[in-house]
Amino acid sequence: MVPSNVHEGTAAAITEELMPLMQAQRAQNHELLKHWRLHHNKAAYYEKALDGSTKFQPDVGFYYRDDGIFFVEVEFTQPWEDLVQKVEHMVQGQECWGVLAVMIKEGDRRGSLPKRRAATGDFVAKADWFAQAEARQVNDPYGPVSINGTDWTKAVEVELCFFPHGWIQADGPPTKVCSLANSTSTGSHI
């Protein structure tokens, strides 16, 4: 399955937020400069996966001396079972501290037909659309985006869960870190 813009945008936004933390750590300890890396979509390897596979590709990963020590997985339209199976393999690695999963769920997945025929006033220039969308998010940063009476995005829920080293499905659900209800932005709000 080809990753969506929401999936890729979220992974990129997380990477952008983590880069200053990495740089601050490097400034405090110059040895980290040689060994400490943050990668977006870099292949990594399982210690030994239960199904015999040995390779996976996390959305975001921290690496120390090329060993994956912490990963971030973004789930959007991916079945929960697939994510859990992948993460369960990831956290079995000897060097892996854990995996943070960012789960994005649309509040209403049903498509809707237009209520009326599109009129000339419904169309807006791209720059105007973004300006209006950002203005609406000032008052309701987690609400849907409606412009000129047209709903452009629906509300979504964002949950963050942490899977610690060694976690298996028999341990029960992962630790819920936080929940952002009705978020329409996967950028700086995460």
N, C-alpha and C. Protein backbone atom coordinates (compact mmCIF):
# COMPACT_ATOMS: atom_id res chain seq x y z
N MET A 1 0.84 -1.17 0.00
CA MET A 1 0.00 0.00 0.00
C MET A 1 0.89 1.24 0.00
N VAL A 2 0.57 2.20 -0.83
CA VAL A 2 1.33 3.45 -0.91
C VAL A 2 0.93 4.34 0.26
N PRO A 3 1.90 4.88 1.02
CA PRO A 3 1.57 5.75 2.15
C PRO A 3 0.85 7.02 1.68
N SER A 4 -0.09 7.47 2.49
CA SER A 4 -0.85 8.68 2.17
C SER A 4 -0.07 9.92 2.59
N ASN A 5 -0.53 11.08 2.14
CA ASN A 5 0.08 12.35 2.54
C ASN A 5 -0.06 12.56 4.04
N VAL A 6 -1.18 12.11 4.63
CA VAL A 6 -1.36 12.26 6.08
C VAL A 6 -0.30 11.44 6.81
N HIS A 7 -0.09 10.21 6.37
CA HIS A 7 0.91 9.34 6.99
C HIS A 7 2.30 9.93 6.86
N GLU A 8 2.69 10.30 5.64
CA GLU A 8 4.03 10.84 5.41
C GLU A 8 4.21 12.21 6.07
N GLY A 9 3.18 13.05 6.02
CA GLY A 9 3.26 14.37 6.66
C GLY A 9 3.44 14.27 8.16
N THR A 10 2.76 13.31 8.78
CA THR A 10 2.89 13.11 10.22
C THR A 10 4.30 12.65 10.58
N ALA A 11 4.82 11.68 9.84
CA ALA A 11 6.19 11.21 10.10
C ALA A 11 7.20 12.33 9.92
N ALA A 12 7.01 13.15 8.88
CA ALA A 12 7.93 14.28 8.65
C ALA A 12 7.82 15.32 9.77
N ALA A 13 6.60 15.60 10.24
CA ALA A 13 6.41 16.57 11.33
C ALA A 13 7.06 16.08 12.61
N ILE A 14 6.96 14.79 12.89
CA ILE A 14 7.61 14.23 14.09
C ILE A 14 9.13 14.36 13.96
N THR A 15 9.65 14.06 12.79
CA THR A 15 11.09 14.18 12.55
C THR A 15 11.55 15.61 12.77
N GLU A 16 10.77 16.59 12.26
CA GLU A 16 11.12 18.00 12.43
C GLU A 16 11.14 18.40 13.90
N GLU A 17 10.23 17.85 14.69
CA GLU A 17 10.18 18.17 16.11
C GLU A 17 11.34 17.52 16.87
N LEU A 18 11.78 16.36 16.42
CA LEU A 18 12.84 15.63 17.13
C LEU A 18 14.25 16.11 16.77
N MET A 19 14.42 16.68 15.60
CA MET A 19 15.75 17.13 15.17
C MET A 19 16.39 18.13 16.14
N PRO A 20 15.67 19.16 16.63
CA PRO A 20 16.31 20.07 17.60
C PRO A 20 16.74 19.36 18.88
N LEU A 21 16.00 18.34 19.30
CA LEU A 21 16.39 17.58 20.49
C LEU A 21 17.70 16.83 20.24
N MET A 22 17.80 16.25 19.05
CA MET A 22 19.04 15.56 18.68
C MET A 22 20.22 16.53 18.66
N GLN A 23 20.01 17.70 18.07
CA GLN A 23 21.08 18.69 17.98
C GLN A 23 21.50 19.17 19.36
N ALA A 24 20.54 19.34 20.26
CA ALA A 24 20.86 19.76 21.62
C ALA A 24 21.70 18.69 22.32
N GLN A 25 21.35 17.42 22.12
CA GLN A 25 22.12 16.33 22.72
C GLN A 25 23.54 16.29 22.16
N ARG A 26 23.66 16.52 20.87
CA ARG A 26 24.99 16.52 20.25
C ARG A 26 25.84 17.67 20.76
N ALA A 27 25.22 18.82 21.04
CA ALA A 27 25.96 19.96 21.56
C ALA A 27 26.50 19.67 22.95
N GLN A 28 25.76 18.87 23.74
CA GLN A 28 26.20 18.53 25.09
C GLN A 28 27.24 17.40 25.09
N ASN A 29 27.17 16.53 24.10
CA ASN A 29 28.08 15.38 24.07
C ASN A 29 28.53 15.16 22.63
N HIS A 30 29.70 15.63 22.29
CA HIS A 30 30.21 15.57 20.92
C HIS A 30 30.42 14.14 20.42
N GLU A 31 30.61 13.18 21.33
CA GLU A 31 30.75 11.79 20.91
C GLU A 31 29.49 11.29 20.22
N LEU A 32 28.35 11.84 20.62
CA LEU A 32 27.08 11.42 20.00
C LEU A 32 27.05 11.77 18.52
N LEU A 33 27.76 12.80 18.13
CA LEU A 33 27.77 13.24 16.74
C LEU A 33 28.17 12.10 15.81
N LYS A 34 29.12 11.27 16.25
CA LYS A 34 29.59 10.17 15.42
C LYS A 34 28.61 9.01 15.37
N HIS A 35 27.84 8.79 16.41
CA HIS A 35 27.08 7.55 16.54
C HIS A 35 25.56 7.71 16.60
N TRP A 36 25.06 8.86 16.92
CA TRP A 36 23.64 9.10 17.21
C TRP A 36 22.98 9.64 15.96
N ARG A 37 21.96 8.96 15.41
CA ARG A 37 21.31 9.38 14.17
C ARG A 37 19.79 9.26 14.29
N LEU A 38 19.12 10.12 13.57
CA LEU A 38 17.66 10.08 13.44
C LEU A 38 17.37 9.90 11.96
N HIS A 39 16.63 8.85 11.64
CA HIS A 39 16.31 8.57 10.24
C HIS A 39 14.81 8.49 10.04
N HIS A 40 14.42 8.89 8.86
CA HIS A 40 13.03 8.84 8.42
C HIS A 40 12.96 7.73 7.37
N ASN A 41 12.22 6.66 7.62
CA ASN A 41 12.04 5.54 6.69
C ASN A 41 13.35 4.82 6.33
N LYS A 42 14.19 4.55 7.33
CA LYS A 42 15.43 3.79 7.10
C LYS A 42 15.17 2.33 7.48
N ALA A 43 15.61 1.42 6.64
CA ALA A 43 15.44 0.01 6.94
C ALA A 43 16.22 -0.35 8.20
N ALA A 44 15.64 -1.20 9.01
CA ALA A 44 16.28 -1.68 10.22
C ALA A 44 16.07 -3.20 10.26
N TYR A 45 16.65 -3.85 11.26
CA TYR A 45 16.57 -5.30 11.31
C TYR A 45 16.06 -5.76 12.66
N TYR A 46 15.24 -6.81 12.63
CA TYR A 46 14.78 -7.46 13.85
C TYR A 46 15.93 -8.28 14.41
N GLU A 47 15.89 -8.49 15.71
CA GLU A 47 16.81 -9.45 16.32
C GLU A 47 16.52 -10.80 15.65
N LYS A 48 15.33 -11.31 15.86
CA LYS A 48 14.81 -12.49 15.18
C LYS A 48 13.30 -12.36 15.25
N ALA A 49 12.67 -12.21 14.12
CA ALA A 49 11.22 -12.07 14.10
C ALA A 49 10.56 -13.43 14.26
N LEU A 50 9.39 -13.44 14.84
CA LEU A 50 8.66 -14.68 15.07
C LEU A 50 8.29 -15.38 13.76
N ASP A 51 8.04 -14.61 12.71
CA ASP A 51 7.64 -15.20 11.43
C ASP A 51 8.82 -15.45 10.50
N GLY A 52 10.03 -15.32 10.99
CA GLY A 52 11.22 -15.59 10.19
C GLY A 52 11.74 -14.38 9.44
N SER A 53 10.99 -13.26 9.40
CA SER A 53 11.48 -12.08 8.69
C SER A 53 12.55 -11.39 9.53
N THR A 54 13.41 -10.65 8.84
CA THR A 54 14.50 -10.00 9.56
C THR A 54 14.59 -8.51 9.29
N LYS A 55 13.74 -7.97 8.43
CA LYS A 55 13.87 -6.57 8.05
C LYS A 55 12.53 -5.85 8.17
N PHE A 56 12.55 -4.59 8.57
CA PHE A 56 11.36 -3.75 8.63
C PHE A 56 11.77 -2.32 8.34
N GLN A 57 10.80 -1.47 8.10
CA GLN A 57 11.10 -0.07 7.81
C GLN A 57 10.23 0.81 8.70
N PRO A 58 10.80 1.33 9.79
CA PRO A 58 10.01 2.20 10.66
C PRO A 58 9.81 3.57 10.01
N ASP A 59 8.77 4.27 10.44
CA ASP A 59 8.52 5.61 9.91
C ASP A 59 9.60 6.59 10.37
N VAL A 60 9.97 6.52 11.64
CA VAL A 60 11.04 7.35 12.21
C VAL A 60 11.82 6.47 13.17
N GLY A 61 13.13 6.60 13.16
CA GLY A 61 13.92 5.78 14.06
C GLY A 61 15.14 6.51 14.60
N PHE A 62 15.44 6.26 15.87
CA PHE A 62 16.69 6.72 16.48
C PHE A 62 17.66 5.56 16.42
N TYR A 63 18.88 5.85 15.99
CA TYR A 63 19.89 4.81 15.85
C TYR A 63 21.15 5.23 16.60
N TYR A 64 21.73 4.29 17.32
CA TYR A 64 23.01 4.50 17.97
C TYR A 64 23.95 3.41 17.47
N ARG A 65 25.02 3.84 16.79
CA ARG A 65 25.96 2.91 16.16
C ARG A 65 25.23 1.93 15.23
N ASP A 66 24.28 2.46 14.49
CA ASP A 66 23.47 1.72 13.53
C ASP A 66 22.50 0.71 14.15
N ASP A 67 22.38 0.69 15.46
CA ASP A 67 21.38 -0.15 16.11
C ASP A 67 20.14 0.70 16.37
N GLY A 68 18.98 0.21 15.94
CA GLY A 68 17.73 0.93 16.20
C GLY A 68 17.37 0.84 17.66
N ILE A 69 17.30 2.01 18.34
CA ILE A 69 17.01 1.98 19.77
C ILE A 69 15.62 2.49 20.11
N PHE A 70 15.02 3.31 19.25
CA PHE A 70 13.68 3.84 19.51
C PHE A 70 13.03 4.15 18.16
N PHE A 71 11.77 3.73 18.01
CA PHE A 71 11.08 3.92 16.74
C PHE A 71 9.74 4.61 16.94
N VAL A 72 9.29 5.29 15.89
CA VAL A 72 7.96 5.89 15.85
C VAL A 72 7.24 5.30 14.65
N GLU A 73 6.04 4.80 14.86
CA GLU A 73 5.20 4.25 13.80
C GLU A 73 3.94 5.10 13.70
N VAL A 74 3.56 5.45 12.49
CA VAL A 74 2.35 6.22 12.24
C VAL A 74 1.32 5.29 11.61
N GLU A 75 0.15 5.24 12.20
CA GLU A 75 -0.93 4.40 11.67
C GLU A 75 -2.06 5.28 11.19
N PHE A 76 -2.35 5.20 9.90
CA PHE A 76 -3.49 5.90 9.30
C PHE A 76 -4.05 5.00 8.22
N THR A 77 -5.24 4.54 8.39
CA THR A 77 -5.94 3.59 7.51
C THR A 77 -5.26 2.23 7.47
N GLN A 78 -4.29 2.00 8.31
CA GLN A 78 -3.65 0.69 8.42
C GLN A 78 -4.40 -0.10 9.49
N PRO A 79 -4.70 -1.37 9.25
CA PRO A 79 -5.37 -2.14 10.30
C PRO A 79 -4.53 -2.21 11.58
N TRP A 80 -5.19 -2.05 12.72
CA TRP A 80 -4.54 -2.08 14.03
C TRP A 80 -3.75 -3.37 14.20
N GLU A 81 -4.31 -4.48 13.76
CA GLU A 81 -3.65 -5.78 13.90
C GLU A 81 -2.30 -5.80 13.18
N ASP A 82 -2.23 -5.18 11.99
CA ASP A 82 -0.96 -5.13 11.25
C ASP A 82 0.08 -4.32 12.00
N LEU A 83 -0.34 -3.18 12.56
CA LEU A 83 0.58 -2.34 13.33
C LEU A 83 1.10 -3.09 14.55
N VAL A 84 0.18 -3.73 15.29
CA VAL A 84 0.57 -4.45 16.50
C VAL A 84 1.54 -5.57 16.18
N GLN A 85 1.29 -6.30 15.10
CA GLN A 85 2.18 -7.38 14.72
C GLN A 85 3.58 -6.86 14.38
N LYS A 86 3.64 -5.77 13.63
CA LYS A 86 4.94 -5.18 13.27
C LYS A 86 5.67 -4.68 14.51
N VAL A 87 4.95 -3.95 15.38
CA VAL A 87 5.56 -3.38 16.59
C VAL A 87 6.02 -4.49 17.53
N GLU A 88 5.24 -5.55 17.64
CA GLU A 88 5.63 -6.65 18.52
C GLU A 88 6.99 -7.22 18.11
N HIS A 89 7.24 -7.32 16.82
CA HIS A 89 8.55 -7.78 16.34
C HIS A 89 9.63 -6.74 16.65
N MET A 90 9.31 -5.47 16.43
CA MET A 90 10.29 -4.41 16.61
C MET A 90 10.82 -4.35 18.04
N VAL A 91 9.93 -4.46 19.02
CA VAL A 91 10.34 -4.28 20.42
C VAL A 91 11.05 -5.50 21.00
N GLN A 92 11.15 -6.57 20.23
CA GLN A 92 11.89 -7.75 20.70
C GLN A 92 13.39 -7.58 20.48
N GLY A 93 13.78 -6.62 19.63
CA GLY A 93 15.20 -6.39 19.38
C GLY A 93 15.94 -6.04 20.65
N GLN A 94 17.12 -6.61 20.82
CA GLN A 94 17.89 -6.42 22.06
C GLN A 94 18.17 -4.95 22.36
N GLU A 95 18.44 -4.14 21.31
CA GLU A 95 18.79 -2.74 21.50
C GLU A 95 17.57 -1.82 21.60
N CYS A 96 16.41 -2.30 21.19
CA CYS A 96 15.21 -1.44 21.10
C CYS A 96 14.64 -1.11 22.48
N TRP A 97 14.52 0.19 22.76
CA TRP A 97 13.91 0.64 24.02
C TRP A 97 12.40 0.58 23.95
N GLY A 98 11.84 0.84 22.75
CA GLY A 98 10.40 0.82 22.60
C GLY A 98 9.96 1.51 21.32
N VAL A 99 8.65 1.51 21.11
CA VAL A 99 8.05 2.10 19.92
C VAL A 99 6.90 3.01 20.35
N LEU A 100 6.91 4.23 19.83
CA LEU A 100 5.80 5.15 20.03
C LEU A 100 4.92 5.07 18.79
N ALA A 101 3.66 4.73 18.97
CA ALA A 101 2.72 4.63 17.84
C ALA A 101 1.81 5.85 17.84
N VAL A 102 1.70 6.51 16.70
CA VAL A 102 0.81 7.64 16.50
C VAL A 102 -0.35 7.11 15.65
N MET A 103 -1.52 7.02 16.26
CA MET A 103 -2.68 6.45 15.57
C MET A 103 -3.65 7.55 15.21
N ILE A 104 -3.91 7.68 13.92
CA ILE A 104 -4.80 8.72 13.41
C ILE A 104 -6.04 8.03 12.87
N LYS A 105 -7.20 8.39 13.43
CA LYS A 105 -8.46 7.77 13.01
C LYS A 105 -9.45 8.85 12.60
N GLU A 106 -10.03 8.66 11.44
CA GLU A 106 -11.06 9.59 10.99
C GLU A 106 -12.30 9.39 11.84
N GLY A 107 -12.91 10.52 12.26
CA GLY A 107 -14.12 10.45 13.07
C GLY A 107 -15.30 9.88 12.31
N ASP A 108 -15.43 10.21 11.06
CA ASP A 108 -16.53 9.73 10.24
C ASP A 108 -15.95 9.35 8.88
N ARG A 109 -15.80 8.07 8.64
CA ARG A 109 -15.17 7.61 7.40
C ARG A 109 -16.12 7.61 6.21
N ARG A 110 -17.38 7.78 6.46
CA ARG A 110 -18.34 7.74 5.36
C ARG A 110 -18.15 8.96 4.46
N GLY A 111 -18.16 8.71 3.18
CA GLY A 111 -18.12 9.81 2.23
C GLY A 111 -19.49 10.46 2.16
N SER A 112 -19.56 11.68 1.72
CA SER A 112 -20.84 12.35 1.61
C SER A 112 -20.94 13.01 0.24
N LEU A 113 -22.13 12.97 -0.28
CA LEU A 113 -22.39 13.61 -1.57
C LEU A 113 -22.58 15.10 -1.37
N PRO A 114 -22.22 15.91 -2.35
CA PRO A 114 -22.45 17.35 -2.23
C PRO A 114 -23.95 17.63 -2.04
N LYS A 115 -24.25 18.64 -1.24
CA LYS A 115 -25.65 19.01 -0.98
C LYS A 115 -26.23 19.83 -2.13
N ARG A 116 -25.36 20.43 -2.91
CA ARG A 116 -25.80 21.25 -4.04
C ARG A 116 -24.70 21.25 -5.08
N ARG A 117 -25.02 21.75 -6.23
CA ARG A 117 -24.05 21.88 -7.31
C ARG A 117 -23.02 22.95 -6.96
N ALA A 118 -21.77 22.72 -7.31
CA ALA A 118 -20.72 23.70 -7.04
C ALA A 118 -20.98 24.98 -7.81
N ALA A 119 -20.78 26.10 -7.14
CA ALA A 119 -20.96 27.41 -7.76
C ALA A 119 -19.61 28.11 -7.84
N THR A 120 -19.55 29.17 -8.61
CA THR A 120 -18.31 29.91 -8.80
C THR A 120 -17.72 30.37 -7.46
N GLY A 121 -18.55 30.79 -6.52
CA GLY A 121 -18.08 31.27 -5.22
C GLY A 121 -17.49 30.19 -4.34
N ASP A 122 -17.70 28.91 -4.70
CA ASP A 122 -17.15 27.81 -3.90
C ASP A 122 -15.66 27.62 -4.12
N PHE A 123 -15.17 28.07 -5.25
CA PHE A 123 -13.76 27.86 -5.58
C PHE A 123 -12.92 29.00 -5.03
N VAL A 124 -11.82 28.61 -4.38
CA VAL A 124 -10.90 29.59 -3.79
C VAL A 124 -9.48 29.26 -4.23
N ALA A 125 -8.68 30.29 -4.34
CA ALA A 125 -7.27 30.08 -4.67
C ALA A 125 -6.60 29.31 -3.52
N LYS A 126 -5.58 28.56 -3.86
CA LYS A 126 -4.88 27.74 -2.87
C LYS A 126 -4.40 28.55 -1.67
N ALA A 127 -3.81 29.71 -1.93
CA ALA A 127 -3.31 30.56 -0.84
C ALA A 127 -4.45 31.03 0.06
N ASP A 128 -5.59 31.39 -0.55
CA ASP A 128 -6.75 31.81 0.24
C ASP A 128 -7.31 30.65 1.06
N TRP A 129 -7.32 29.46 0.44
CA TRP A 129 -7.82 28.29 1.15
C TRP A 129 -6.99 28.04 2.41
N PHE A 130 -5.66 28.05 2.27
CA PHE A 130 -4.79 27.83 3.43
C PHE A 130 -4.95 28.94 4.47
N ALA A 131 -5.08 30.18 4.03
CA ALA A 131 -5.26 31.30 4.97
C ALA A 131 -6.56 31.13 5.76
N GLN A 132 -7.64 30.78 5.07
CA GLN A 132 -8.93 30.58 5.75
C GLN A 132 -8.89 29.38 6.69
N ALA A 133 -8.25 28.30 6.24
CA ALA A 133 -8.15 27.10 7.09
C ALA A 133 -7.36 27.40 8.36
N GLU A 134 -6.25 28.10 8.23
CA GLU A 134 -5.44 28.45 9.40
C GLU A 134 -6.20 29.39 10.33
N ALA A 135 -6.94 30.34 9.77
CA ALA A 135 -7.72 31.27 10.59
C ALA A 135 -8.78 30.52 11.40
N ARG A 136 -9.41 29.53 10.81
CA ARG A 136 -10.43 28.75 11.52
C ARG A 136 -9.80 27.90 12.63
N GLN A 137 -8.59 27.45 12.41
CA GLN A 137 -7.94 26.62 13.41
C GLN A 137 -7.45 27.41 14.61
N VAL A 138 -7.41 28.73 14.53
CA VAL A 138 -7.03 29.54 15.69
C VAL A 138 -8.05 29.35 16.80
N ASN A 139 -9.33 29.38 16.46
CA ASN A 139 -10.40 29.22 17.45
C ASN A 139 -10.67 27.75 17.79
N ASP A 140 -10.46 26.87 16.84
CA ASP A 140 -10.75 25.45 17.05
C ASP A 140 -9.66 24.62 16.36
N PRO A 141 -8.49 24.51 16.99
CA PRO A 141 -7.36 23.85 16.32
C PRO A 141 -7.61 22.38 16.00
N TYR A 142 -8.58 21.77 16.65
CA TYR A 142 -8.83 20.34 16.43
C TYR A 142 -10.15 20.08 15.73
N GLY A 143 -10.75 21.11 15.18
CA GLY A 143 -12.03 20.93 14.51
C GLY A 143 -11.88 20.73 13.02
N PRO A 144 -12.99 20.37 12.36
CA PRO A 144 -12.95 20.19 10.91
C PRO A 144 -12.76 21.53 10.20
N VAL A 145 -12.31 21.47 8.95
CA VAL A 145 -12.10 22.69 8.17
C VAL A 145 -13.25 22.84 7.18
N SER A 146 -14.00 23.93 7.32
CA SER A 146 -15.11 24.25 6.43
C SER A 146 -14.85 25.62 5.83
N ILE A 147 -14.91 25.70 4.50
CA ILE A 147 -14.68 26.97 3.82
C ILE A 147 -15.80 27.18 2.81
N ASN A 148 -16.42 28.35 2.86
CA ASN A 148 -17.54 28.68 1.97
C ASN A 148 -18.64 27.63 2.02
N GLY A 149 -18.89 27.07 3.19
CA GLY A 149 -19.96 26.09 3.34
C GLY A 149 -19.60 24.70 2.90
N THR A 150 -18.37 24.47 2.49
CA THR A 150 -17.93 23.15 2.07
C THR A 150 -17.00 22.57 3.12
N ASP A 151 -17.29 21.33 3.58
CA ASP A 151 -16.43 20.65 4.53
C ASP A 151 -15.26 20.03 3.77
N TRP A 152 -14.06 20.53 4.05
CA TRP A 152 -12.88 20.03 3.35
C TRP A 152 -12.22 18.88 4.08
N THR A 153 -12.22 18.93 5.39
CA THR A 153 -11.67 17.83 6.19
C THR A 153 -12.64 17.52 7.30
N LYS A 154 -12.66 16.28 7.69
CA LYS A 154 -13.48 15.84 8.81
C LYS A 154 -12.60 15.79 10.05
N ALA A 155 -13.23 15.74 11.19
CA ALA A 155 -12.48 15.64 12.44
C ALA A 155 -11.83 14.26 12.52
N VAL A 156 -10.67 14.21 13.12
CA VAL A 156 -9.98 12.95 13.36
C VAL A 156 -9.53 12.92 14.82
N GLU A 157 -9.26 11.73 15.29
CA GLU A 157 -8.71 11.56 16.63
C GLU A 157 -7.28 11.07 16.49
N VAL A 158 -6.42 11.57 17.34
CA VAL A 158 -5.02 11.16 17.33
C VAL A 158 -4.70 10.61 18.71
N GLU A 159 -4.18 9.39 18.74
CA GLU A 159 -3.76 8.78 20.00
C GLU A 159 -2.29 8.40 19.92
N LEU A 160 -1.60 8.56 21.02
CA LEU A 160 -0.20 8.16 21.12
C LEU A 160 -0.12 7.02 22.14
N CYS A 161 0.48 5.90 21.71
CA CYS A 161 0.66 4.75 22.60
C CYS A 161 2.13 4.35 22.58
N PHE A 162 2.60 3.88 23.73
CA PHE A 162 3.99 3.43 23.84
C PHE A 162 4.03 1.92 24.08
N PHE A 163 4.83 1.24 23.26
CA PHE A 163 5.08 -0.19 23.39
C PHE A 163 6.51 -0.34 23.92
N PRO A 164 6.70 -0.79 25.16
CA PRO A 164 8.06 -0.90 25.71
C PRO A 164 8.82 -2.10 25.17
N HIS A 165 10.13 -2.11 25.37
CA HIS A 165 10.99 -3.23 24.98
C HIS A 165 10.38 -4.54 25.52
N GLY A 166 10.33 -5.54 24.66
CA GLY A 166 9.86 -6.86 25.08
C GLY A 166 8.36 -7.04 25.10
N TRP A 167 7.58 -6.01 24.77
CA TRP A 167 6.12 -6.12 24.80
C TRP A 167 5.64 -7.19 23.83
N ILE A 168 4.65 -7.97 24.26
CA ILE A 168 3.97 -8.92 23.38
C ILE A 168 2.47 -8.73 23.56
N GLN A 169 1.71 -9.20 22.59
CA GLN A 169 0.26 -9.00 22.61
C GLN A 169 -0.38 -9.56 23.88
N ALA A 170 0.17 -10.64 24.42
CA ALA A 170 -0.38 -11.24 25.64
C ALA A 170 -0.27 -10.29 26.84
N ASP A 171 0.59 -9.27 26.74
CA ASP A 171 0.75 -8.29 27.83
C ASP A 171 -0.46 -7.36 27.94
N GLY A 172 -1.32 -7.36 26.94
CA GLY A 172 -2.48 -6.46 26.93
C GLY A 172 -2.18 -5.21 26.12
N PRO A 173 -3.11 -4.27 26.13
CA PRO A 173 -2.94 -3.05 25.32
C PRO A 173 -1.69 -2.27 25.72
N PRO A 174 -1.11 -1.54 24.77
CA PRO A 174 0.06 -0.72 25.09
C PRO A 174 -0.33 0.44 26.01
N THR A 175 0.66 1.12 26.54
CA THR A 175 0.43 2.27 27.40
C THR A 175 -0.04 3.46 26.56
N LYS A 176 -1.20 4.00 26.88
CA LYS A 176 -1.70 5.17 26.17
C LYS A 176 -0.99 6.40 26.74
N VAL A 177 -0.31 7.14 25.86
CA VAL A 177 0.45 8.32 26.29
C VAL A 177 -0.47 9.53 26.36
N CYS A 178 -1.20 9.79 25.28
CA CYS A 178 -2.16 10.89 25.29
C CYS A 178 -3.10 10.75 24.11
N SER A 179 -4.17 11.52 24.15
CA SER A 179 -5.15 11.51 23.08
C SER A 179 -5.47 12.95 22.71
N LEU A 180 -5.44 13.25 21.42
CA LEU A 180 -5.83 14.56 20.92
C LEU A 180 -7.11 14.34 20.13
N ALA A 181 -8.23 14.74 20.71
CA ALA A 181 -9.51 14.49 20.05
C ALA A 181 -9.79 15.55 19.00
N ASN A 182 -10.39 15.13 17.93
CA ASN A 182 -10.85 16.01 16.86
C ASN A 182 -9.74 16.88 16.28
N SER A 183 -8.58 16.32 16.07
CA SER A 183 -7.49 17.05 15.45
C SER A 183 -7.58 16.96 13.95
N THR A 184 -7.45 18.09 13.25
CA THR A 184 -7.44 18.04 11.79
C THR A 184 -6.05 18.30 11.25
N SER A 185 -5.14 18.63 12.11
CA SER A 185 -3.78 18.92 11.65
C SER A 185 -2.85 17.86 12.16
N THR A 186 -2.00 17.32 11.29
CA THR A 186 -1.00 16.37 11.72
C THR A 186 0.36 17.04 11.79
N GLY A 187 0.37 18.34 11.78
CA GLY A 187 1.62 19.08 11.82
C GLY A 187 2.03 19.38 13.23
N SER A 188 2.06 20.65 13.57
CA SER A 188 2.64 21.09 14.85
C SER A 188 1.81 20.75 16.06
N HIS A 189 0.58 20.23 15.90
CA HIS A 189 -0.24 19.91 17.06
C HIS A 189 0.13 18.59 17.70
N ILE A 190 0.96 17.78 17.02
CA ILE A 190 1.31 16.48 17.57
C ILE A 190 2.50 16.62 18.49
